[in-house]
Amino acid sequence: MDLGDVIFLLRDGIFQILMLVSPILGTALVVGLLVAIFQATTSIQEQTLTFVPKFFSILGVLALLGAWMLASLRGYTFKIFEMIPQVAR
């Protein structure tokens, strides 16, 4: 295994992480921004008002995209396990 293979594995791993985490972080960001705008306009500063909508929106994204995330992670894992004989040489 040479340096190019290691760089490929690292680049592919980072891309996989970003691809799996971005829907969850994007949803939390949008919901958090909407709740912050709502709190600023109504002067309601309740702590649970920020936590509960984010929590349920993240659960919803995981319910909708969980199968795709698991399939993508499984494919990446299979690709890494198929590369084990190349590493052993």
PDB file of N, CA and C in Angstrom:
ATOM      1  N   MET A   1       0.850  -1.166   0.000  1.00  0.00           N
ATOM      2  CA  MET A   1       0.000   0.000   0.000  1.00  0.00           C
ATOM      3  C   MET A   1       0.903   1.238   0.000  1.00  0.00           C
ATOM      4  N   ASP A   2       0.680   2.093  -0.957  1.00  0.00           N
ATOM      5  CA  ASP A   2       1.523   3.273  -1.058  1.00  0.00           C
ATOM      6  C   ASP A   2       0.789   4.508  -0.536  1.00  0.00           C
ATOM      7  N   LEU A   3       1.459   5.627  -0.652  1.00  0.00           N
ATOM      8  CA  LEU A   3       0.914   6.872  -0.118  1.00  0.00           C
ATOM      9  C   LEU A   3      -0.379   7.277  -0.823  1.00  0.00           C
ATOM     10  N   GLY A   4      -0.487   7.005  -2.111  1.00  0.00           N
ATOM     11  CA  GLY A   4      -1.697   7.343  -2.854  1.00  0.00           C
ATOM     12  C   GLY A   4      -2.920   6.601  -2.343  1.00  0.00           C
ATOM     13  N   ASP A   5      -2.745   5.329  -1.974  1.00  0.00           N
ATOM     14  CA  ASP A   5      -3.858   4.556  -1.425  1.00  0.00           C
ATOM     15  C   ASP A   5      -4.300   5.097  -0.070  1.00  0.00           C
ATOM     16  N   VAL A   6      -3.338   5.491   0.748  1.00  0.00           N
ATOM     17  CA  VAL A   6      -3.660   6.044   2.066  1.00  0.00           C
ATOM     18  C   VAL A   6      -4.412   7.369   1.922  1.00  0.00           C
ATOM     19  N   ILE A   7      -3.948   8.207   1.000  1.00  0.00           N
ATOM     20  CA  ILE A   7      -4.623   9.476   0.763  1.00  0.00           C
ATOM     21  C   ILE A   7      -6.029   9.235   0.237  1.00  0.00           C
ATOM     22  N   PHE A   8      -6.188   8.240  -0.652  1.00  0.00           N
ATOM     23  CA  PHE A   8      -7.518   7.905  -1.169  1.00  0.00           C
ATOM     24  C   PHE A   8      -8.451   7.468  -0.043  1.00  0.00           C
ATOM     25  N   LEU A   9      -7.954   6.614   0.854  1.00  0.00           N
ATOM     26  CA  LEU A   9      -8.781   6.156   1.975  1.00  0.00           C
ATOM     27  C   LEU A   9      -9.173   7.305   2.894  1.00  0.00           C
ATOM     28  N   LEU A  10      -8.232   8.184   3.201  1.00  0.00           N
ATOM     29  CA  LEU A  10      -8.543   9.320   4.070  1.00  0.00           C
ATOM     30  C   LEU A  10      -9.533  10.272   3.411  1.00  0.00           C
ATOM     31  N   ARG A  11      -9.307  10.576   2.129  1.00  0.00           N
ATOM     32  CA  ARG A  11     -10.215  11.476   1.423  1.00  0.00           C
ATOM     33  C   ARG A  11     -11.614  10.884   1.323  1.00  0.00           C
ATOM     34  N   ASP A  12     -11.689   9.595   1.000  1.00  0.00           N
ATOM     35  CA  ASP A  12     -12.989   8.932   0.890  1.00  0.00           C
ATOM     36  C   ASP A  12     -13.684   8.845   2.250  1.00  0.00           C
ATOM     37  N   GLY A  13     -12.925   8.625   3.312  1.00  0.00           N
ATOM     38  CA  GLY A  13     -13.503   8.573   4.655  1.00  0.00           C
ATOM     39  C   GLY A  13     -14.045   9.923   5.102  1.00  0.00           C
ATOM     40  N   ILE A  14     -13.308  10.985   4.829  1.00  0.00           N
ATOM     41  CA  ILE A  14     -13.782  12.321   5.188  1.00  0.00           C
ATOM     42  C   ILE A  14     -15.018  12.689   4.383  1.00  0.00           C
ATOM     43  N   PHE A  15     -15.023  12.335   3.094  1.00  0.00           N
ATOM     44  CA  PHE A  15     -16.198  12.599   2.266  1.00  0.00           C
ATOM     45  C   PHE A  15     -17.409  11.826   2.781  1.00  0.00           C
ATOM     46  N   GLN A  16     -17.194  10.595   3.193  1.00  0.00           N
ATOM     47  CA  GLN A  16     -18.286   9.775   3.731  1.00  0.00           C
ATOM     48  C   GLN A  16     -18.856  10.398   5.007  1.00  0.00           C
ATOM     49  N   ILE A  17     -18.001  10.870   5.886  1.00  0.00           N
ATOM     50  CA  ILE A  17     -18.447  11.515   7.120  1.00  0.00           C
ATOM     51  C   ILE A  17     -19.263  12.758   6.813  1.00  0.00           C
ATOM     52  N   LEU A  18     -18.752  13.597   5.918  1.00  0.00           N
ATOM     53  CA  LEU A  18     -19.470  14.824   5.569  1.00  0.00           C
ATOM     54  C   LEU A  18     -20.810  14.530   4.910  1.00  0.00           C
ATOM     55  N   MET A  19     -20.862  13.497   4.086  1.00  0.00           N
ATOM     56  CA  MET A  19     -22.098  13.147   3.408  1.00  0.00           C
ATOM     57  C   MET A  19     -23.148  12.619   4.390  1.00  0.00           C
ATOM     58  N   LEU A  20     -22.728  11.891   5.406  1.00  0.00           N
ATOM     59  CA  LEU A  20     -23.675  11.321   6.361  1.00  0.00           C
ATOM     60  C   LEU A  20     -24.120  12.332   7.418  1.00  0.00           C
ATOM     61  N   VAL A  21     -23.272  13.270   7.772  1.00  0.00           N
ATOM     62  CA  VAL A  21     -23.580  14.201   8.849  1.00  0.00           C
ATOM     63  C   VAL A  21     -24.292  15.461   8.353  1.00  0.00           C
ATOM     64  N   SER A  22     -24.088  15.825   7.094  1.00  0.00           N
ATOM     65  CA  SER A  22     -24.630  17.100   6.609  1.00  0.00           C
ATOM     66  C   SER A  22     -26.152  17.201   6.658  1.00  0.00           C
ATOM     67  N   PRO A  23     -26.947  16.152   6.374  1.00  0.00           N
ATOM     68  CA  PRO A  23     -28.399  16.338   6.520  1.00  0.00           C
ATOM     69  C   PRO A  23     -28.828  16.608   7.965  1.00  0.00           C
ATOM     70  N   ILE A  24     -28.179  15.960   8.907  1.00  0.00           N
ATOM     71  CA  ILE A  24     -28.535  16.147  10.312  1.00  0.00           C
ATOM     72  C   ILE A  24     -28.130  17.542  10.782  1.00  0.00           C
ATOM     73  N   LEU A  25     -26.897  17.942  10.464  1.00  0.00           N
ATOM     74  CA  LEU A  25     -26.442  19.263  10.889  1.00  0.00           C
ATOM     75  C   LEU A  25     -27.206  20.374  10.187  1.00  0.00           C
ATOM     76  N   GLY A  26     -27.536  20.179   8.917  1.00  0.00           N
ATOM     77  CA  GLY A  26     -28.308  21.180   8.190  1.00  0.00           C
ATOM     78  C   GLY A  26     -29.692  21.365   8.776  1.00  0.00           C
ATOM     79  N   THR A  27     -30.328  20.260   9.131  1.00  0.00           N
ATOM     80  CA  THR A  27     -31.653  20.341   9.744  1.00  0.00           C
ATOM     81  C   THR A  27     -31.588  21.041  11.099  1.00  0.00           C
ATOM     82  N   ALA A  28     -30.611  20.683  11.909  1.00  0.00           N
ATOM     83  CA  ALA A  28     -30.468  21.327  13.219  1.00  0.00           C
ATOM     84  C   ALA A  28     -30.182  22.815  13.065  1.00  0.00           C
ATOM     85  N   LEU A  29     -29.396  23.176  12.056  1.00  0.00           N
ATOM     86  CA  LEU A  29     -29.086  24.582  11.826  1.00  0.00           C
ATOM     87  C   LEU A  29     -30.326  25.371  11.417  1.00  0.00           C
ATOM     88  N   VAL A  30     -31.096  24.830  10.492  1.00  0.00           N
ATOM     89  CA  VAL A  30     -32.294  25.536  10.021  1.00  0.00           C
ATOM     90  C   VAL A  30     -33.332  25.652  11.129  1.00  0.00           C
ATOM     91  N   VAL A  31     -33.573  24.567  11.846  1.00  0.00           N
ATOM     92  CA  VAL A  31     -34.564  24.609  12.929  1.00  0.00           C
ATOM     93  C   VAL A  31     -34.098  25.531  14.044  1.00  0.00           C
ATOM     94  N   GLY A  32     -32.824  25.502  14.378  1.00  0.00           N
ATOM     95  CA  GLY A  32     -32.295  26.399  15.397  1.00  0.00           C
ATOM     96  C   GLY A  32     -32.421  27.855  14.999  1.00  0.00           C
ATOM     97  N   LEU A  33     -32.176  28.148  13.728  1.00  0.00           N
ATOM     98  CA  LEU A  33     -32.323  29.522  13.257  1.00  0.00           C
ATOM     99  C   LEU A  33     -33.774  29.980  13.309  1.00  0.00           C
ATOM    100  N   LEU A  34     -34.688  29.106  12.894  1.00  0.00           N
ATOM    101  CA  LEU A  34     -36.110  29.465  12.951  1.00  0.00           C
ATOM    102  C   LEU A  34     -36.587  29.691  14.383  1.00  0.00           C
ATOM    103  N   VAL A  35     -36.143  28.829  15.300  1.00  0.00           N
ATOM    104  CA  VAL A  35     -36.530  28.993  16.702  1.00  0.00           C
ATOM    105  C   VAL A  35     -35.912  30.264  17.282  1.00  0.00           C
ATOM    106  N   ALA A  36     -34.673  30.574  16.909  1.00  0.00           N
ATOM    107  CA  ALA A  36     -34.033  31.795  17.404  1.00  0.00           C
ATOM    108  C   ALA A  36     -34.753  33.037  16.889  1.00  0.00           C
ATOM    109  N   ILE A  37     -35.168  33.013  15.637  1.00  0.00           N
ATOM    110  CA  ILE A  37     -35.934  34.146  15.095  1.00  0.00           C
ATOM    111  C   ILE A  37     -37.267  34.267  15.820  1.00  0.00           C
ATOM    112  N   PHE A  38     -37.917  33.146  16.063  1.00  0.00           N
ATOM    113  CA  PHE A  38     -39.183  33.161  16.798  1.00  0.00           C
ATOM    114  C   PHE A  38     -38.997  33.706  18.207  1.00  0.00           C
ATOM    115  N   GLN A  39     -37.939  33.276  18.885  1.00  0.00           N
ATOM    116  CA  GLN A  39     -37.680  33.760  20.245  1.00  0.00           C
ATOM    117  C   GLN A  39     -37.340  35.241  20.256  1.00  0.00           C
ATOM    118  N   ALA A  40     -36.628  35.709  19.264  1.00  0.00           N
ATOM    119  CA  ALA A  40     -36.265  37.126  19.225  1.00  0.00           C
ATOM    120  C   ALA A  40     -37.484  38.008  18.961  1.00  0.00           C
ATOM    121  N   THR A  41     -38.403  37.517  18.139  1.00  0.00           N
ATOM    122  CA  THR A  41     -39.570  38.348  17.829  1.00  0.00           C
ATOM    123  C   THR A  41     -40.603  38.341  18.946  1.00  0.00           C
ATOM    124  N   THR A  42     -40.686  37.259  19.691  1.00  0.00           N
ATOM    125  CA  THR A  42     -41.707  37.172  20.744  1.00  0.00           C
ATOM    126  C   THR A  42     -41.148  37.418  22.146  1.00  0.00           C
ATOM    127  N   SER A  43     -39.855  37.559  22.291  1.00  0.00           N
ATOM    128  CA  SER A  43     -39.187  37.753  23.584  1.00  0.00           C
ATOM    129  C   SER A  43     -39.434  36.599  24.549  1.00  0.00           C
ATOM    130  N   ILE A  44     -39.659  35.407  24.016  1.00  0.00           N
ATOM    131  CA  ILE A  44     -39.784  34.207  24.849  1.00  0.00           C
ATOM    132  C   ILE A  44     -38.404  33.557  24.910  1.00  0.00           C
ATOM    133  N   GLN A  45     -37.838  33.437  26.097  1.00  0.00           N
ATOM    134  CA  GLN A  45     -36.504  32.874  26.256  1.00  0.00           C
ATOM    135  C   GLN A  45     -36.557  31.553  27.018  1.00  0.00           C
ATOM    136  N   GLU A  46     -37.364  30.651  26.571  1.00  0.00           N
ATOM    137  CA  GLU A  46     -37.502  29.337  27.207  1.00  0.00           C
ATOM    138  C   GLU A  46     -36.451  28.387  26.636  1.00  0.00           C
ATOM    139  N   GLN A  47     -35.713  27.691  27.504  1.00  0.00           N
ATOM    140  CA  GLN A  47     -34.646  26.802  27.061  1.00  0.00           C
ATOM    141  C   GLN A  47     -35.161  25.567  26.336  1.00  0.00           C
ATOM    142  N   THR A  48     -36.296  25.043  26.798  1.00  0.00           N
ATOM    143  CA  THR A  48     -36.823  23.837  26.141  1.00  0.00           C
ATOM    144  C   THR A  48     -37.360  24.150  24.754  1.00  0.00           C
ATOM    145  N   LEU A  49     -37.661  25.389  24.493  1.00  0.00           N
ATOM    146  CA  LEU A  49     -38.152  25.772  23.169  1.00  0.00           C
ATOM    147  C   LEU A  49     -37.062  25.607  22.115  1.00  0.00           C
ATOM    148  N   THR A  50     -35.813  25.705  22.501  1.00  0.00           N
ATOM    149  CA  THR A  50     -34.724  25.491  21.541  1.00  0.00           C
ATOM    150  C   THR A  50     -34.375  24.016  21.401  1.00  0.00           C
ATOM    151  N   PHE A  51     -34.515  23.255  22.468  1.00  0.00           N
ATOM    152  CA  PHE A  51     -34.074  21.868  22.459  1.00  0.00           C
ATOM    153  C   PHE A  51     -35.083  20.940  21.790  1.00  0.00           C
ATOM    154  N   VAL A  52     -36.331  21.034  22.140  1.00  0.00           N
ATOM    155  CA  VAL A  52     -37.343  20.074  21.694  1.00  0.00           C
ATOM    156  C   VAL A  52     -37.541  20.085  20.180  1.00  0.00           C
ATOM    157  N   PRO A  53     -37.682  21.229  19.508  1.00  0.00           N
ATOM    158  CA  PRO A  53     -37.844  21.176  18.050  1.00  0.00           C
ATOM    159  C   PRO A  53     -36.627  20.608  17.324  1.00  0.00           C
ATOM    160  N   LYS A  54     -35.431  20.941  17.801  1.00  0.00           N
ATOM    161  CA  LYS A  54     -34.223  20.378  17.191  1.00  0.00           C
ATOM    162  C   LYS A  54     -34.188  18.865  17.364  1.00  0.00           C
ATOM    163  N   PHE A  55     -34.527  18.414  18.551  1.00  0.00           N
ATOM    164  CA  PHE A  55     -34.498  16.987  18.848  1.00  0.00           C
ATOM    165  C   PHE A  55     -35.447  16.218  17.928  1.00  0.00           C
ATOM    166  N   PHE A  56     -36.675  16.704  17.810  1.00  0.00           N
ATOM    167  CA  PHE A  56     -37.643  15.991  16.986  1.00  0.00           C
ATOM    168  C   PHE A  56     -37.348  16.123  15.492  1.00  0.00           C
ATOM    169  N   SER A  57     -36.783  17.230  15.076  1.00  0.00           N
ATOM    170  CA  SER A  57     -36.428  17.350  13.666  1.00  0.00           C
ATOM    171  C   SER A  57     -35.261  16.426  13.311  1.00  0.00           C
ATOM    172  N   ILE A  58     -34.300  16.292  14.208  1.00  0.00           N
ATOM    173  CA  ILE A  58     -33.192  15.371  13.965  1.00  0.00           C
ATOM    174  C   ILE A  58     -33.688  13.926  13.956  1.00  0.00           C
ATOM    175  N   LEU A  59     -34.599  13.594  14.860  1.00  0.00           N
ATOM    176  CA  LEU A  59     -35.189  12.252  14.831  1.00  0.00           C
ATOM    177  C   LEU A  59     -35.936  11.998  13.529  1.00  0.00           C
ATOM    178  N   GLY A  60     -36.629  13.016  13.021  1.00  0.00           N
ATOM    179  CA  GLY A  60     -37.335  12.878  11.755  1.00  0.00           C
ATOM    180  C   GLY A  60     -36.392  12.653  10.589  1.00  0.00           C
ATOM    181  N   VAL A  61     -35.284  13.391  10.567  1.00  0.00           N
ATOM    182  CA  VAL A  61     -34.295  13.210   9.496  1.00  0.00           C
ATOM    183  C   VAL A  61     -33.679  11.819   9.575  1.00  0.00           C
ATOM    184  N   LEU A  62     -33.390  11.366  10.785  1.00  0.00           N
ATOM    185  CA  LEU A  62     -32.845  10.011  10.933  1.00  0.00           C
ATOM    186  C   LEU A  62     -33.853   8.950  10.506  1.00  0.00           C
ATOM    187  N   ALA A  63     -35.135   9.179  10.773  1.00  0.00           N
ATOM    188  CA  ALA A  63     -36.156   8.224  10.345  1.00  0.00           C
ATOM    189  C   ALA A  63     -36.290   8.207   8.824  1.00  0.00           C
ATOM    190  N   LEU A  64     -36.187   9.380   8.205  1.00  0.00           N
ATOM    191  CA  LEU A  64     -36.319   9.449   6.748  1.00  0.00           C
ATOM    192  C   LEU A  64     -35.079   8.966   6.011  1.00  0.00           C
ATOM    193  N   LEU A  65     -33.922   9.349   6.487  1.00  0.00           N
ATOM    194  CA  LEU A  65     -32.681   9.066   5.770  1.00  0.00           C
ATOM    195  C   LEU A  65     -31.818   7.988   6.414  1.00  0.00           C
ATOM    196  N   GLY A  66     -32.311   7.368   7.477  1.00  0.00           N
ATOM    197  CA  GLY A  66     -31.504   6.372   8.183  1.00  0.00           C
ATOM    198  C   GLY A  66     -31.136   5.180   7.328  1.00  0.00           C
ATOM    199  N   ALA A  67     -32.052   4.709   6.501  1.00  0.00           N
ATOM    200  CA  ALA A  67     -31.758   3.550   5.646  1.00  0.00           C
ATOM    201  C   ALA A  67     -30.689   3.900   4.616  1.00  0.00           C
ATOM    202  N   TRP A  68     -30.793   5.095   4.036  1.00  0.00           N
ATOM    203  CA  TRP A  68     -29.783   5.525   3.066  1.00  0.00           C
ATOM    204  C   TRP A  68     -28.417   5.684   3.740  1.00  0.00           C
ATOM    205  N   MET A  69     -28.402   6.250   4.946  1.00  0.00           N
ATOM    206  CA  MET A  69     -27.146   6.432   5.662  1.00  0.00           C
ATOM    207  C   MET A  69     -26.494   5.093   5.978  1.00  0.00           C
ATOM    208  N   LEU A  70     -27.301   4.143   6.418  1.00  0.00           N
ATOM    209  CA  LEU A  70     -26.773   2.824   6.745  1.00  0.00           C
ATOM    210  C   LEU A  70     -26.263   2.108   5.502  1.00  0.00           C
ATOM    211  N   ALA A  71     -26.980   2.223   4.379  1.00  0.00           N
ATOM    212  CA  ALA A  71     -26.534   1.589   3.138  1.00  0.00           C
ATOM    213  C   ALA A  71     -25.236   2.214   2.635  1.00  0.00           C
ATOM    214  N   SER A  72     -25.115   3.522   2.748  1.00  0.00           N
ATOM    215  CA  SER A  72     -23.894   4.194   2.325  1.00  0.00           C
ATOM    216  C   SER A  72     -22.711   3.788   3.187  1.00  0.00           C
ATOM    217  N   LEU A  73     -22.926   3.716   4.487  1.00  0.00           N
ATOM    218  CA  LEU A  73     -21.862   3.306   5.397  1.00  0.00           C
ATOM    219  C   LEU A  73     -21.481   1.840   5.190  1.00  0.00           C
ATOM    220  N   ARG A  74     -22.473   1.016   4.904  1.00  0.00           N
ATOM    221  CA  ARG A  74     -22.197  -0.402   4.631  1.00  0.00           C
ATOM    222  C   ARG A  74     -21.371  -0.563   3.355  1.00  0.00           C
ATOM    223  N   GLY A  75     -21.698   0.195   2.321  1.00  0.00           N
ATOM    224  CA  GLY A  75     -20.924   0.139   1.082  1.00  0.00           C
ATOM    225  C   GLY A  75     -19.486   0.574   1.283  1.00  0.00           C
ATOM    226  N   TYR A  76     -19.296   1.627   2.054  1.00  0.00           N
ATOM    227  CA  TYR A  76     -17.936   2.091   2.343  1.00  0.00           C
ATOM    228  C   TYR A  76     -17.164   1.048   3.151  1.00  0.00           C
ATOM    229  N   THR A  77     -17.824   0.424   4.101  1.00  0.00           N
ATOM    230  CA  THR A  77     -17.167  -0.614   4.903  1.00  0.00           C
ATOM    231  C   THR A  77     -16.782  -1.806   4.045  1.00  0.00           C
ATOM    232  N   PHE A  78     -17.670  -2.228   3.136  1.00  0.00           N
ATOM    233  CA  PHE A  78     -17.341  -3.335   2.234  1.00  0.00           C
ATOM    234  C   PHE A  78     -16.147  -2.980   1.354  1.00  0.00           C
ATOM    235  N   LYS A  79     -16.102  -1.723   0.894  1.00  0.00           N
ATOM    236  CA  LYS A  79     -14.982  -1.297   0.053  1.00  0.00           C
ATOM    237  C   LYS A  79     -13.670  -1.364   0.825  1.00  0.00           C
ATOM    238  N   ILE A  80     -13.698  -0.983   2.092  1.00  0.00           N
ATOM    239  CA  ILE A  80     -12.483  -1.037   2.904  1.00  0.00           C
ATOM    240  C   ILE A  80     -12.060  -2.486   3.146  1.00  0.00           C
ATOM    241  N   PHE A  81     -13.042  -3.368   3.431  1.00  0.00           N
ATOM    242  CA  PHE A  81     -12.702  -4.769   3.663  1.00  0.00           C
ATOM    243  C   PHE A  81     -12.194  -5.446   2.398  1.00  0.00           C
ATOM    244  N   GLU A  82     -12.644  -4.995   1.228  1.00  0.00           N
ATOM    245  CA  GLU A  82     -12.125  -5.559  -0.015  1.00  0.00           C
ATOM    246  C   GLU A  82     -10.688  -5.124  -0.274  1.00  0.00           C
ATOM    247  N   MET A  83     -10.256  -4.040   0.344  1.00  0.00           N
ATOM    248  CA  MET A  83      -8.888  -3.560   0.165  1.00  0.00           C
ATOM    249  C   MET A  83      -7.890  -4.229   1.114  1.00  0.00           C
ATOM    250  N   ILE A  84      -8.361  -5.053   2.036  1.00  0.00           N
ATOM    251  CA  ILE A  84      -7.448  -5.693   3.005  1.00  0.00           C
ATOM    252  C   ILE A  84      -6.383  -6.546   2.328  1.00  0.00           C
ATOM    253  N   PRO A  85      -6.681  -7.349   1.288  1.00  0.00           N
ATOM    254  CA  PRO A  85      -5.600  -8.100   0.648  1.00  0.00           C
ATOM    255  C   PRO A  85      -4.515  -7.210   0.028  1.00  0.00           C
ATOM    256  N   GLN A  86      -4.883  -6.021  -0.444  1.00  0.00           N
ATOM    257  CA  GLN A  86      -3.878  -5.112  -0.994  1.00  0.00           C
ATOM    258  C   GLN A  86      -2.960  -4.581   0.100  1.00  0.00           C
ATOM    259  N   VAL A  87      -3.519  -4.371   1.279  1.00  0.00           N
ATOM    260  CA  VAL A  87      -2.715  -3.874   2.390  1.00  0.00           C
ATOM    261  C   VAL A  87      -1.754  -4.946   2.873  1.00  0.00           C
ATOM    262  N   ALA A  88      -2.173  -6.201   2.813  1.00  0.00           N
ATOM    263  CA  ALA A  88      -1.352  -7.301   3.321  1.00  0.00           C
ATOM    264  C   ALA A  88      -0.138  -7.554   2.426  1.00  0.00           C
ATOM    265  N   ARG A  89      -0.169  -7.108   1.181  1.00  0.00           N
ATOM    266  CA  ARG A  89       0.975  -7.343   0.283  1.00  0.00           C
ATOM    267  C   ARG A  89       2.142  -6.494   0.603  1.00  0.00           C
TER     268      ARG A  89
END
